[in-house]
Each structure stands twice: as C-alpha cells, then as structure tokens.
PDB file of all heavy atoms in Angstrom:
ATOM      1  N   CYS A   1     -65.233  23.664 -85.001  1.00  0.00           N
ATOM      2  CA  CYS A   1     -63.914  23.188 -85.405  1.00  0.00           C
ATOM      3  C   CYS A   1     -62.784  23.781 -84.578  1.00  0.00           C
ATOM      4  O   CYS A   1     -61.613  23.507 -84.845  1.00  0.00           O
ATOM      5  CB  CYS A   1     -63.687  23.485 -86.887  1.00  0.00           C
ATOM      6  SG  CYS A   1     -64.761  22.526 -87.970  1.00  0.00           S
ATOM      7  N   ASP A   2     -63.121  24.604 -83.576  1.00  0.00           N
ATOM      8  CA  ASP A   2     -62.143  25.228 -82.698  1.00  0.00           C
ATOM      9  C   ASP A   2     -61.058  25.936 -83.503  1.00  0.00           C
ATOM     10  O   ASP A   2     -59.861  25.669 -83.359  1.00  0.00           O
ATOM     11  CB  ASP A   2     -61.524  24.185 -81.762  1.00  0.00           C
ATOM     12  CG  ASP A   2     -60.586  24.804 -80.740  1.00  0.00           C
ATOM     13  OD1 ASP A   2     -60.800  25.975 -80.362  1.00  0.00           O
ATOM     14  OD2 ASP A   2     -59.609  24.124 -80.344  1.00  0.00           O
ATOM     15  N   ILE A   3     -61.505  26.839 -84.393  1.00  0.00           N
ATOM     16  CA  ILE A   3     -60.569  27.500 -85.286  1.00  0.00           C
ATOM     17  C   ILE A   3     -60.929  28.968 -85.474  1.00  0.00           C
ATOM     18  O   ILE A   3     -62.106  29.331 -85.410  1.00  0.00           O
ATOM     19  CB  ILE A   3     -60.508  26.765 -86.640  1.00  0.00           C
ATOM     20  CG1 ILE A   3     -59.276  27.161 -87.419  1.00  0.00           C
ATOM     21  CG2 ILE A   3     -61.767  26.951 -87.451  1.00  0.00           C
ATOM     22  CD1 ILE A   3     -58.817  26.097 -88.363  1.00  0.00           C
ATOM     23  N   LYS A   4     -59.897  29.780 -85.681  1.00  0.00           N
ATOM     24  CA  LYS A   4     -60.099  31.193 -86.000  1.00  0.00           C
ATOM     25  C   LYS A   4     -59.545  31.440 -87.391  1.00  0.00           C
ATOM     26  O   LYS A   4     -58.643  30.742 -87.850  1.00  0.00           O
ATOM     27  CB  LYS A   4     -59.423  32.087 -84.968  1.00  0.00           C
ATOM     28  CG  LYS A   4     -60.086  31.959 -83.608  1.00  0.00           C
ATOM     29  CD  LYS A   4     -59.696  33.046 -82.671  1.00  0.00           C
ATOM     30  CE  LYS A   4     -60.474  32.860 -81.367  1.00  0.00           C
ATOM     31  NZ  LYS A   4     -60.283  33.949 -80.452  1.00  0.00           N
ATOM     32  N   PHE A   5     -60.079  32.462 -88.054  1.00  0.00           N
ATOM     33  CA  PHE A   5     -59.721  32.774 -89.433  1.00  0.00           C
ATOM     34  C   PHE A   5     -59.044  34.144 -89.480  1.00  0.00           C
ATOM     35  O   PHE A   5     -59.546  35.093 -88.880  1.00  0.00           O
ATOM     36  CB  PHE A   5     -60.978  32.783 -90.312  1.00  0.00           C
ATOM     37  CG  PHE A   5     -61.697  31.470 -90.302  1.00  0.00           C
ATOM     38  CD1 PHE A   5     -62.631  31.188 -89.307  1.00  0.00           C
ATOM     39  CD2 PHE A   5     -61.439  30.511 -91.259  1.00  0.00           C
ATOM     40  CE1 PHE A   5     -63.291  29.975 -89.285  1.00  0.00           C
ATOM     41  CE2 PHE A   5     -62.090  29.297 -91.237  1.00  0.00           C
ATOM     42  CZ  PHE A   5     -63.023  29.016 -90.251  1.00  0.00           C
ATOM     43  N   PHE A   6     -57.929  34.223 -90.210  1.00  0.00           N
ATOM     44  CA  PHE A   6     -57.143  35.441 -90.268  1.00  0.00           C
ATOM     45  C   PHE A   6     -56.845  35.848 -91.702  1.00  0.00           C
ATOM     46  O   PHE A   6     -56.731  35.006 -92.592  1.00  0.00           O
ATOM     47  CB  PHE A   6     -55.796  35.249 -89.547  1.00  0.00           C
ATOM     48  CG  PHE A   6     -55.907  35.106 -88.076  1.00  0.00           C
ATOM     49  CD1 PHE A   6     -56.088  33.859 -87.490  1.00  0.00           C
ATOM     50  CD2 PHE A   6     -55.833  36.224 -87.254  1.00  0.00           C
ATOM     51  CE1 PHE A   6     -56.190  33.724 -86.121  1.00  0.00           C
ATOM     52  CE2 PHE A   6     -55.932  36.093 -85.875  1.00  0.00           C
ATOM     53  CZ  PHE A   6     -56.122  34.837 -85.307  1.00  0.00           C
ATOM     54  N   GLU A   7     -56.659  37.150 -91.858  1.00  0.00           N
ATOM     55  CA  GLU A   7     -56.133  37.729 -93.087  1.00  0.00           C
ATOM     56  C   GLU A   7     -54.831  38.414 -92.700  1.00  0.00           C
ATOM     57  O   GLU A   7     -54.813  39.255 -91.796  1.00  0.00           O
ATOM     58  CB  GLU A   7     -57.112  38.759 -93.642  1.00  0.00           C
ATOM     59  CG  GLU A   7     -56.535  39.586 -94.770  1.00  0.00           C
ATOM     60  CD  GLU A   7     -57.395  40.785 -95.087  1.00  0.00           C
ATOM     61  OE1 GLU A   7     -57.274  41.806 -94.350  1.00  0.00           O
ATOM     62  OE2 GLU A   7     -58.174  40.711 -96.040  1.00  0.00           O
ATOM     63  N   VAL A   8     -53.741  38.035 -93.366  1.00  0.00           N
ATOM     64  CA  VAL A   8     -52.440  38.649 -93.125  1.00  0.00           C
ATOM     65  C   VAL A   8     -51.974  39.268 -94.436  1.00  0.00           C
ATOM     66  O   VAL A   8     -51.775  38.561 -95.423  1.00  0.00           O
ATOM     67  CB  VAL A   8     -51.404  37.613 -92.628  1.00  0.00           C
ATOM     68  CG1 VAL A   8     -50.031  38.239 -92.532  1.00  0.00           C
ATOM     69  CG2 VAL A   8     -51.822  37.033 -91.294  1.00  0.00           C
ATOM     70  N   LEU A   9     -51.836  40.584 -94.445  1.00  0.00           N
ATOM     71  CA  LEU A   9     -51.307  41.276 -95.620  1.00  0.00           C
ATOM     72  C   LEU A   9     -49.793  41.317 -95.505  1.00  0.00           C
ATOM     73  O   LEU A   9     -49.253  41.809 -94.510  1.00  0.00           O
ATOM     74  CB  LEU A   9     -51.885  42.683 -95.719  1.00  0.00           C
ATOM     75  CG  LEU A   9     -53.404  42.760 -95.898  1.00  0.00           C
ATOM     76  CD1 LEU A   9     -53.861  44.211 -95.988  1.00  0.00           C
ATOM     77  CD2 LEU A   9     -53.863  41.978 -97.117  1.00  0.00           C
ATOM     78  N   LEU A  10     -49.134  40.781 -96.517  1.00  0.00           N
ATOM     79  CA  LEU A  10     -47.674  40.676 -96.509  1.00  0.00           C
ATOM     80  C   LEU A  10     -47.029  41.940 -97.064  1.00  0.00           C
ATOM     81  O   LEU A  10     -47.612  42.623 -97.912  1.00  0.00           O
ATOM     82  CB  LEU A  10     -47.237  39.485 -97.365  1.00  0.00           C
ATOM     83  CG  LEU A  10     -47.780  38.124 -96.949  1.00  0.00           C
ATOM     84  CD1 LEU A  10     -47.427  37.079 -97.991  1.00  0.00           C
ATOM     85  CD2 LEU A  10     -47.252  37.724 -95.589  1.00  0.00           C
ATOM     86  N   THR A  11     -45.834  42.221 -96.609  1.00  0.00           N
ATOM     87  CA  THR A  11     -45.066  43.311 -97.198  1.00  0.00           C
ATOM     88  C   THR A  11     -44.467  42.808 -98.511  1.00  0.00           C
ATOM     89  O   THR A  11     -44.385  41.596 -98.749  1.00  0.00           O
ATOM     90  CB  THR A  11     -43.932  43.760 -96.252  1.00  0.00           C
ATOM     91  OG1 THR A  11     -43.078  42.640 -95.997  1.00  0.00           O
ATOM     92  CG2 THR A  11     -44.480  44.305 -94.952  1.00  0.00           C
ATOM     93  N   HIS A  12     -44.031  43.724 -99.359  1.00  0.00           N
ATOM     94  CA  HIS A  12     -43.458  43.354-100.662  1.00  0.00           C
ATOM     95  C   HIS A  12     -42.253  42.436-100.540  1.00  0.00           C
ATOM     96  O   HIS A  12     -42.074  41.539-101.343  1.00  0.00           O
ATOM     97  CB  HIS A  12     -43.047  44.605-101.444  1.00  0.00           C
ATOM     98  CG  HIS A  12     -44.200  45.325-102.038  1.00  0.00           C
ATOM     99  ND1 HIS A  12     -44.881  44.867-103.138  1.00  0.00           N
ATOM    100  CD2 HIS A  12     -44.803  46.481-101.679  1.00  0.00           C
ATOM    101  CE1 HIS A  12     -45.849  45.703-103.444  1.00  0.00           C
ATOM    102  NE2 HIS A  12     -45.830  46.697-102.566  1.00  0.00           N
ATOM    103  N   ASN A  13     -41.442  42.634 -99.533  1.00  0.00           N
ATOM    104  CA  ASN A  13     -40.181  41.893 -99.438  1.00  0.00           C
ATOM    105  C   ASN A  13     -40.312  40.517 -98.796  1.00  0.00           C
ATOM    106  O   ASN A  13     -39.335  39.809 -98.667  1.00  0.00           O
ATOM    107  CB  ASN A  13     -39.135  42.713 -98.666  1.00  0.00           C
ATOM    108  CG  ASN A  13     -39.561  43.012 -97.238  1.00  0.00           C
ATOM    109  OD1 ASN A  13     -40.729  42.877 -96.895  1.00  0.00           O
ATOM    110  ND2 ASN A  13     -38.620  43.430 -96.421  1.00  0.00           N
ATOM    111  N   ASN A  14     -41.504  40.096 -98.412  1.00  0.00           N
ATOM    112  CA  ASN A  14     -41.632  38.821 -97.696  1.00  0.00           C
ATOM    113  C   ASN A  14     -42.672  37.900 -98.312  1.00  0.00           C
ATOM    114  O   ASN A  14     -43.174  37.014 -97.657  1.00  0.00           O
ATOM    115  CB  ASN A  14     -41.979  39.085 -96.228  1.00  0.00           C
ATOM    116  CG  ASN A  14     -41.671  37.890 -95.371  1.00  0.00           C
ATOM    117  OD1 ASN A  14     -40.636  37.265 -95.528  1.00  0.00           O
ATOM    118  ND2 ASN A  14     -42.573  37.547 -94.487  1.00  0.00           N
ATOM    119  N   GLU A  15     -42.977  38.053 -99.580  1.00  0.00           N
ATOM    120  CA  GLU A  15     -44.077  37.301-100.175  1.00  0.00           C
ATOM    121  C   GLU A  15     -43.755  35.843-100.473  1.00  0.00           C
ATOM    122  O   GLU A  15     -44.650  35.055-100.671  1.00  0.00           O
ATOM    123  CB  GLU A  15     -44.549  38.010-101.444  1.00  0.00           C
ATOM    124  CG  GLU A  15     -45.173  39.348-101.125  1.00  0.00           C
ATOM    125  CD  GLU A  15     -45.613  40.095-102.364  1.00  0.00           C
ATOM    126  OE1 GLU A  15     -45.281  39.663-103.481  1.00  0.00           O
ATOM    127  OE2 GLU A  15     -46.290  41.111-102.193  1.00  0.00           O
ATOM    128  N   SER A  16     -42.495  35.462-100.515  1.00  0.00           N
ATOM    129  CA  SER A  16     -42.160  34.096-100.902  1.00  0.00           C
ATOM    130  C   SER A  16     -41.568  33.263 -99.772  1.00  0.00           C
ATOM    131  O   SER A  16     -41.186  32.132 -99.985  1.00  0.00           O
ATOM    132  CB  SER A  16     -41.179  34.120-102.073  1.00  0.00           C
ATOM    133  OG  SER A  16     -39.985  34.744-101.675  1.00  0.00           O
ATOM    134  N   ARG A  17     -41.522  33.784 -98.592  1.00  0.00           N
ATOM    135  CA  ARG A  17     -40.900  33.077 -97.468  1.00  0.00           C
ATOM    136  C   ARG A  17     -41.955  32.370 -96.626  1.00  0.00           C
ATOM    137  O   ARG A  17     -42.308  32.810 -95.542  1.00  0.00           O
ATOM    138  CB  ARG A  17     -40.104  34.056 -96.627  1.00  0.00           C
ATOM    139  CG  ARG A  17     -38.978  34.663 -97.420  1.00  0.00           C
ATOM    140  CD  ARG A  17     -38.140  35.539 -96.564  1.00  0.00           C
ATOM    141  NE  ARG A  17     -37.029  36.032 -97.351  1.00  0.00           N
ATOM    142  CZ  ARG A  17     -36.469  37.193 -97.167  1.00  0.00           C
ATOM    143  NH1 ARG A  17     -36.901  37.982 -96.212  1.00  0.00           N
ATOM    144  NH2 ARG A  17     -35.466  37.573 -97.913  1.00  0.00           N
ATOM    145  N   GLN A  18     -42.423  31.256 -97.144  1.00  0.00           N
ATOM    146  CA  GLN A  18     -43.543  30.542 -96.551  1.00  0.00           C
ATOM    147  C   GLN A  18     -43.301  30.100 -95.112  1.00  0.00           C
ATOM    148  O   GLN A  18     -44.138  30.308 -94.243  1.00  0.00           O
ATOM    149  CB  GLN A  18     -43.865  29.346 -97.435  1.00  0.00           C
ATOM    150  CG  GLN A  18     -45.054  28.560 -97.015  1.00  0.00           C
ATOM    151  CD  GLN A  18     -45.325  27.427 -97.985  1.00  0.00           C
ATOM    152  OE1 GLN A  18     -44.810  27.396 -99.081  1.00  0.00           O
ATOM    153  NE2 GLN A  18     -46.147  26.502 -97.571  1.00  0.00           N
ATOM    154  N   VAL A  19     -42.181  29.493 -94.850  1.00  0.00           N
ATOM    155  CA  VAL A  19     -41.898  28.997 -93.496  1.00  0.00           C
ATOM    156  C   VAL A  19     -41.758  30.162 -92.522  1.00  0.00           C
ATOM    157  O   VAL A  19     -42.283  30.126 -91.410  1.00  0.00           O
ATOM    158  CB  VAL A  19     -40.650  28.088 -93.481  1.00  0.00           C
ATOM    159  CG1 VAL A  19     -40.273  27.710 -92.061  1.00  0.00           C
ATOM    160  CG2 VAL A  19     -40.901  26.837 -94.307  1.00  0.00           C
ATOM    161  N   ASN A  20     -41.078  31.230 -92.939  1.00  0.00           N
ATOM    162  CA  ASN A  20     -40.940  32.405 -92.072  1.00  0.00           C
ATOM    163  C   ASN A  20     -42.298  33.020 -91.746  1.00  0.00           C
ATOM    164  O   ASN A  20     -42.531  33.461 -90.619  1.00  0.00           O
ATOM    165  CB  ASN A  20     -40.045  33.454 -92.727  1.00  0.00           C
ATOM    166  CG  ASN A  20     -38.602  33.011 -92.809  1.00  0.00           C
ATOM    167  OD1 ASN A  20     -38.200  32.044 -92.181  1.00  0.00           O
ATOM    168  ND2 ASN A  20     -37.830  33.707 -93.612  1.00  0.00           N
ATOM    169  N   MET A  21     -43.183  33.074 -92.751  1.00  0.00           N
ATOM    170  CA  MET A  21     -44.523  33.622 -92.527  1.00  0.00           C
ATOM    171  C   MET A  21     -45.247  32.803 -91.469  1.00  0.00           C
ATOM    172  O   MET A  21     -45.861  33.348 -90.555  1.00  0.00           O
ATOM    173  CB  MET A  21     -45.336  33.622 -93.828  1.00  0.00           C
ATOM    174  CG  MET A  21     -44.820  34.564 -94.882  1.00  0.00           C
ATOM    175  SD  MET A  21     -45.829  34.635 -96.389  1.00  0.00           S
ATOM    176  CE  MET A  21     -45.999  32.939 -96.883  1.00  0.00           C
ATOM    177  N   ALA A  22     -45.183  31.483 -91.597  1.00  0.00           N
ATOM    178  CA  ALA A  22     -45.870  30.603 -90.646  1.00  0.00           C
ATOM    179  C   ALA A  22     -45.275  30.743 -89.246  1.00  0.00           C
ATOM    180  O   ALA A  22     -46.015  30.822 -88.269  1.00  0.00           O
ATOM    181  CB  ALA A  22     -45.799  29.160 -91.117  1.00  0.00           C
ATOM    182  N   GLN A  23     -43.957  30.788 -89.150  1.00  0.00           N
ATOM    183  CA  GLN A  23     -43.322  30.928 -87.836  1.00  0.00           C
ATOM    184  C   GLN A  23     -43.743  32.220 -87.155  1.00  0.00           C
ATOM    185  O   GLN A  23     -44.028  32.244 -85.957  1.00  0.00           O
ATOM    186  CB  GLN A  23     -41.803  30.860 -87.971  1.00  0.00           C
ATOM    187  CG  GLN A  23     -41.299  29.482 -88.298  1.00  0.00           C
ATOM    188  CD  GLN A  23     -39.814  29.466 -88.606  1.00  0.00           C
ATOM    189  OE1 GLN A  23     -39.191  30.484 -88.886  1.00  0.00           O
ATOM    190  NE2 GLN A  23     -39.235  28.271 -88.573  1.00  0.00           N
ATOM    191  N   GLU A  24     -43.798  33.295 -87.929  1.00  0.00           N
ATOM    192  CA  GLU A  24     -44.206  34.573 -87.357  1.00  0.00           C
ATOM    193  C   GLU A  24     -45.671  34.521 -86.925  1.00  0.00           C
ATOM    194  O   GLU A  24     -46.041  35.043 -85.876  1.00  0.00           O
ATOM    195  CB  GLU A  24     -43.982  35.698 -88.374  1.00  0.00           C
ATOM    196  CG  GLU A  24     -44.071  37.055 -87.752  1.00  0.00           C
ATOM    197  CD  GLU A  24     -43.431  38.134 -88.609  1.00  0.00           C
ATOM    198  OE1 GLU A  24     -42.627  37.841 -89.507  1.00  0.00           O
ATOM    199  OE2 GLU A  24     -43.753  39.305 -88.349  1.00  0.00           O
ATOM    200  N   MET A  25     -46.499  33.859 -87.731  1.00  0.00           N
ATOM    201  CA  MET A  25     -47.915  33.746 -87.372  1.00  0.00           C
ATOM    202  C   MET A  25     -48.098  32.867 -86.135  1.00  0.00           C
ATOM    203  O   MET A  25     -48.953  33.147 -85.297  1.00  0.00           O
ATOM    204  CB  MET A  25     -48.728  33.214 -88.557  1.00  0.00           C
ATOM    205  CG  MET A  25     -50.213  33.295 -88.363  1.00  0.00           C
ATOM    206  SD  MET A  25     -50.772  35.010 -88.174  1.00  0.00           S
ATOM    207  CE  MET A  25     -52.394  34.731 -87.464  1.00  0.00           C
ATOM    208  N   PHE A  26     -47.294  31.818 -85.993  1.00  0.00           N
ATOM    209  CA  PHE A  26     -47.362  30.996 -84.778  1.00  0.00           C
ATOM    210  C   PHE A  26     -47.049  31.842 -83.539  1.00  0.00           C
ATOM    211  O   PHE A  26     -47.663  31.656 -82.493  1.00  0.00           O
ATOM    212  CB  PHE A  26     -46.407  29.797 -84.853  1.00  0.00           C
ATOM    213  CG  PHE A  26     -46.958  28.605 -85.582  1.00  0.00           C
ATOM    214  CD1 PHE A  26     -46.266  28.051 -86.648  1.00  0.00           C
ATOM    215  CD2 PHE A  26     -48.160  28.017 -85.201  1.00  0.00           C
ATOM    216  CE1 PHE A  26     -46.765  26.937 -87.320  1.00  0.00           C
ATOM    217  CE2 PHE A  26     -48.663  26.906 -85.867  1.00  0.00           C
ATOM    218  CZ  PHE A  26     -47.958  26.370 -86.926  1.00  0.00           C
ATOM    219  N   LYS A  27     -46.109  32.773 -83.640  1.00  0.00           N
ATOM    220  CA  LYS A  27     -45.805  33.665 -82.509  1.00  0.00           C
ATOM    221  C   LYS A  27     -47.017  34.511 -82.150  1.00  0.00           C
ATOM    222  O   LYS A  27     -47.336  34.695 -80.975  1.00  0.00           O
ATOM    223  CB  LYS A  27     -44.624  34.579 -82.853  1.00  0.00           C
ATOM    224  CG  LYS A  27     -43.298  33.901 -82.899  1.00  0.00           C
ATOM    225  CD  LYS A  27     -42.212  34.894 -83.281  1.00  0.00           C
ATOM    226  CE  LYS A  27     -40.908  34.201 -83.564  1.00  0.00           C
ATOM    227  NZ  LYS A  27     -39.879  35.123 -84.059  1.00  0.00           N
ATOM    228  N   ILE A  28     -47.688  35.033 -83.171  1.00  0.00           N
ATOM    229  CA  ILE A  28     -48.888  35.843 -82.937  1.00  0.00           C
ATOM    230  C   ILE A  28     -49.972  34.990 -82.286  1.00  0.00           C
ATOM    231  O   ILE A  28     -50.603  35.403 -81.309  1.00  0.00           O
ATOM    232  CB  ILE A  28     -49.402  36.448 -84.260  1.00  0.00           C
ATOM    233  CG1 ILE A  28     -48.382  37.456 -84.787  1.00  0.00           C
ATOM    234  CG2 ILE A  28     -50.776  37.089 -84.076  1.00  0.00           C
ATOM    235  CD1 ILE A  28     -48.639  37.904 -86.210  1.00  0.00           C
ATOM    236  N   MET A  29     -50.167  33.787 -82.810  1.00  0.00           N
ATOM    237  CA  MET A  29     -51.183  32.888 -82.252  1.00  0.00           C
ATOM    238  C   MET A  29     -50.894  32.588 -80.787  1.00  0.00           C
ATOM    239  O   MET A  29     -51.799  32.607 -79.954  1.00  0.00           O
ATOM    240  CB  MET A  29     -51.246  31.594 -83.073  1.00  0.00           C
ATOM    241  CG  MET A  29     -51.826  31.775 -84.462  1.00  0.00           C
ATOM    242  SD  MET A  29     -51.569  30.338 -85.552  1.00  0.00           S
ATOM    243  CE  MET A  29     -52.399  29.032 -84.639  1.00  0.00           C
ATOM    244  N   ARG A  30     -49.635  32.324 -80.480  1.00  0.00           N
ATOM    245  CA  ARG A  30     -49.253  32.019 -79.095  1.00  0.00           C
ATOM    246  C   ARG A  30     -49.546  33.214 -78.193  1.00  0.00           C
ATOM    247  O   ARG A  30     -50.077  33.069 -77.096  1.00  0.00           O
ATOM    248  CB  ARG A  30     -47.777  31.624 -79.043  1.00  0.00           C
ATOM    249  CG  ARG A  30     -47.309  31.163 -77.689  1.00  0.00           C
ATOM    250  CD  ARG A  30     -45.884  30.619 -77.687  1.00  0.00           C
ATOM    251  NE  ARG A  30     -44.927  31.439 -78.409  1.00  0.00           N
ATOM    252  CZ  ARG A  30     -44.297  31.059 -79.526  1.00  0.00           C
ATOM    253  NH1 ARG A  30     -44.510  29.875 -80.039  1.00  0.00           N
ATOM    254  NH2 ARG A  30     -43.435  31.870 -80.124  1.00  0.00           N
ATOM    255  N   GLY A  31     -49.231  34.411 -78.665  1.00  0.00           N
ATOM    256  CA  GLY A  31     -49.462  35.616 -77.883  1.00  0.00           C
ATOM    257  C   GLY A  31     -50.930  35.910 -77.624  1.00  0.00           C
ATOM    258  O   GLY A  31     -51.287  36.540 -76.634  1.00  0.00           O
ATOM    259  N   TRP A  32     -51.802  35.457 -78.505  1.00  0.00           N
ATOM    260  CA  TRP A  32     -53.244  35.701 -78.364  1.00  0.00           C
ATOM    261  C   TRP A  32     -54.000  34.420 -77.974  1.00  0.00           C
ATOM    262  O   TRP A  32     -55.217  34.379 -78.068  1.00  0.00           O
ATOM    263  CB  TRP A  32     -53.801  36.281 -79.658  1.00  0.00           C
ATOM    264  CG  TRP A  32     -53.356  37.692 -79.861  1.00  0.00           C
ATOM    265  CD1 TRP A  32     -52.227  38.122 -80.487  1.00  0.00           C
ATOM    266  CD2 TRP A  32     -54.018  38.856 -79.390  1.00  0.00           C
ATOM    267  NE1 TRP A  32     -52.153  39.485 -80.436  1.00  0.00           N
ATOM    268  CE2 TRP A  32     -53.238  39.965 -79.777  1.00  0.00           C
ATOM    269  CE3 TRP A  32     -55.195  39.076 -78.683  1.00  0.00           C
ATOM    270  CZ2 TRP A  32     -53.598  41.274 -79.472  1.00  0.00           C
ATOM    271  CZ3 TRP A  32     -55.544  40.383 -78.398  1.00  0.00           C
ATOM    272  CH2 TRP A  32     -54.755  41.461 -78.786  1.00  0.00           C
ATOM    273  N   TYR A  33     -53.262  33.385 -77.568  1.00  0.00           N
ATOM    274  CA  TYR A  33     -53.858  32.131 -77.093  1.00  0.00           C
ATOM    275  C   TYR A  33     -54.774  31.484 -78.135  1.00  0.00           C
ATOM    276  O   TYR A  33     -55.847  30.974 -77.814  1.00  0.00           O
ATOM    277  CB  TYR A  33     -54.612  32.340 -75.768  1.00  0.00           C
ATOM    278  CG  TYR A  33     -53.759  32.991 -74.723  1.00  0.00           C
ATOM    279  CD1 TYR A  33     -53.945  34.324 -74.383  1.00  0.00           C
ATOM    280  CD2 TYR A  33     -52.744  32.280 -74.092  1.00  0.00           C
ATOM    281  CE1 TYR A  33     -53.141  34.941 -73.441  1.00  0.00           C
ATOM    282  CE2 TYR A  33     -51.938  32.885 -73.153  1.00  0.00           C
ATOM    283  CZ  TYR A  33     -52.138  34.209 -72.828  1.00  0.00           C
ATOM    284  OH  TYR A  33     -51.335  34.816 -71.890  1.00  0.00           O
ATOM    285  N   VAL A  34     -54.331  31.485 -79.377  1.00  0.00           N
ATOM    286  CA  VAL A  34     -55.057  30.838 -80.468  1.00  0.00           C
ATOM    287  C   VAL A  34     -54.312  29.556 -80.798  1.00  0.00           C
ATOM    288  O   VAL A  34     -53.130  29.576 -81.100  1.00  0.00           O
ATOM    289  CB  VAL A  34     -55.118  31.753 -81.717  1.00  0.00           C
ATOM    290  CG1 VAL A  34     -55.740  31.022 -82.896  1.00  0.00           C
ATOM    291  CG2 VAL A  34     -55.875  33.037 -81.401  1.00  0.00           C
ATOM    292  N   GLN A  35     -55.024  28.417 -80.746  1.00  0.00           N
ATOM    293  CA  GLN A  35     -54.376  27.138 -81.031  1.00  0.00           C
ATOM    294  C   GLN A  35     -54.459  26.753 -82.499  1.00  0.00           C
ATOM    295  O   GLN A  35     -53.546  26.126 -83.018  1.00  0.00           O
ATOM    296  CB  GLN A  35     -54.987  26.028 -80.186  1.00  0.00           C
ATOM    297  CG  GLN A  35     -54.571  26.075 -78.754  1.00  0.00           C
ATOM    298  CD  GLN A  35     -55.010  24.836 -78.003  1.00  0.00           C
ATOM    299  OE1 GLN A  35     -55.930  24.138 -78.401  1.00  0.00           O
ATOM    300  NE2 GLN A  35     -54.347  24.562 -76.910  1.00  0.00           N
ATOM    301  N   ASN A  36     -55.565  27.090 -83.165  1.00  0.00           N
ATOM    302  CA  ASN A  36     -55.793  26.640 -84.535  1.00  0.00           C
ATOM    303  C   ASN A  36     -56.283  27.810 -85.384  1.00  0.00           C
ATOM    304  O   ASN A  36     -57.162  28.554 -84.956  1.00  0.00           O
ATOM    305  CB  ASN A  36     -56.834  25.525 -84.557  1.00  0.00           C
ATOM    306  CG  ASN A  36     -56.490  24.399 -83.612  1.00  0.00           C
ATOM    307  OD1 ASN A  36     -55.446  23.783 -83.722  1.00  0.00           O
ATOM    308  ND2 ASN A  36     -57.364  24.143 -82.661  1.00  0.00           N
ATOM    309  N   ALA A  37     -55.722  27.915 -86.589  1.00  0.00           N
ATOM    310  CA  ALA A  37     -56.104  29.045 -87.441  1.00  0.00           C
ATOM    311  C   ALA A  37     -56.022  28.666 -88.913  1.00  0.00           C
ATOM    312  O   ALA A  37     -55.162  27.873 -89.313  1.00  0.00           O
ATOM    313  CB  ALA A  37     -55.194  30.234 -87.178  1.00  0.00           C
TER     314      ALA A  37
END
C-alpha cells in the first residue's frame, strides 16, 4: 500500500488542534521523504 505507520504522542496543550497536527506531520513526512502515512 506504499504506506508507513506512525505513533505521535501529543503534548497537553495541543490535543484538539486537528489541522495543526496534520500540518506539522506533513512537514515531518516531507523531511523524511514519506508520501503516505
């Protein structure tokens, strides 16, 4: 399926910011050349 699986532990102050979480994860994916997760 050309996919990698991740576990991201959130800090207390960022548990409800869904779009921000995804944007930050997209940056990580780009930095590690991961297209799908």
